[in-house]
C-alpha atoms as a PDB file:
ATOM      1  CA  MET A   1     -13.061  12.715  23.694  1.00  0.00           C
ATOM      2  CA  PHE A   2     -11.851   9.139  23.283  1.00  0.00           C
ATOM      3  CA  LEU A   3     -12.842   9.092  19.612  1.00  0.00           C
ATOM      4  CA  TYR A   4     -11.052  12.396  19.130  1.00  0.00           C
ATOM      5  CA  ILE A   5      -7.845  10.923  20.543  1.00  0.00           C
ATOM      6  CA  MET A   6      -8.198   7.790  18.412  1.00  0.00           C
ATOM      7  CA  THR A   7      -8.699   9.915  15.301  1.00  0.00           C
ATOM      8  CA  LEU A   8      -5.745  12.117  16.185  1.00  0.00           C
ATOM      9  CA  LYS A   9      -3.498   9.101  16.787  1.00  0.00           C
ATOM     10  CA  GLY A  10      -4.751   7.444  13.596  1.00  0.00           C
ATOM     11  CA  SER A  11      -4.035  10.590  11.617  1.00  0.00           C
ATOM     12  CA  PHE A  12      -0.569  10.812  13.154  1.00  0.00           C
ATOM     13  CA  ILE A  13       0.158   7.181  12.246  1.00  0.00           C
ATOM     14  CA  LEU A  14      -1.072   7.677   8.678  1.00  0.00           C
ATOM     15  CA  SER A  15       1.076  10.794   8.372  1.00  0.00           C
ATOM     16  CA  SER A  16       4.092   8.937   9.744  1.00  0.00           C
ATOM     17  CA  ASP A  17       3.488   5.917   7.527  1.00  0.00           C
ATOM     18  CA  PRO A  18       5.770   6.139   4.437  1.00  0.00           C
ATOM     19  CA  LEU A  19       3.220   4.136   2.478  1.00  0.00           C
END
């Protein structure tokens, strides 16, 4: 579950990152 959240947050950050 924790890894799932980390992955989801990481994906969200990458999607939000303009670079």
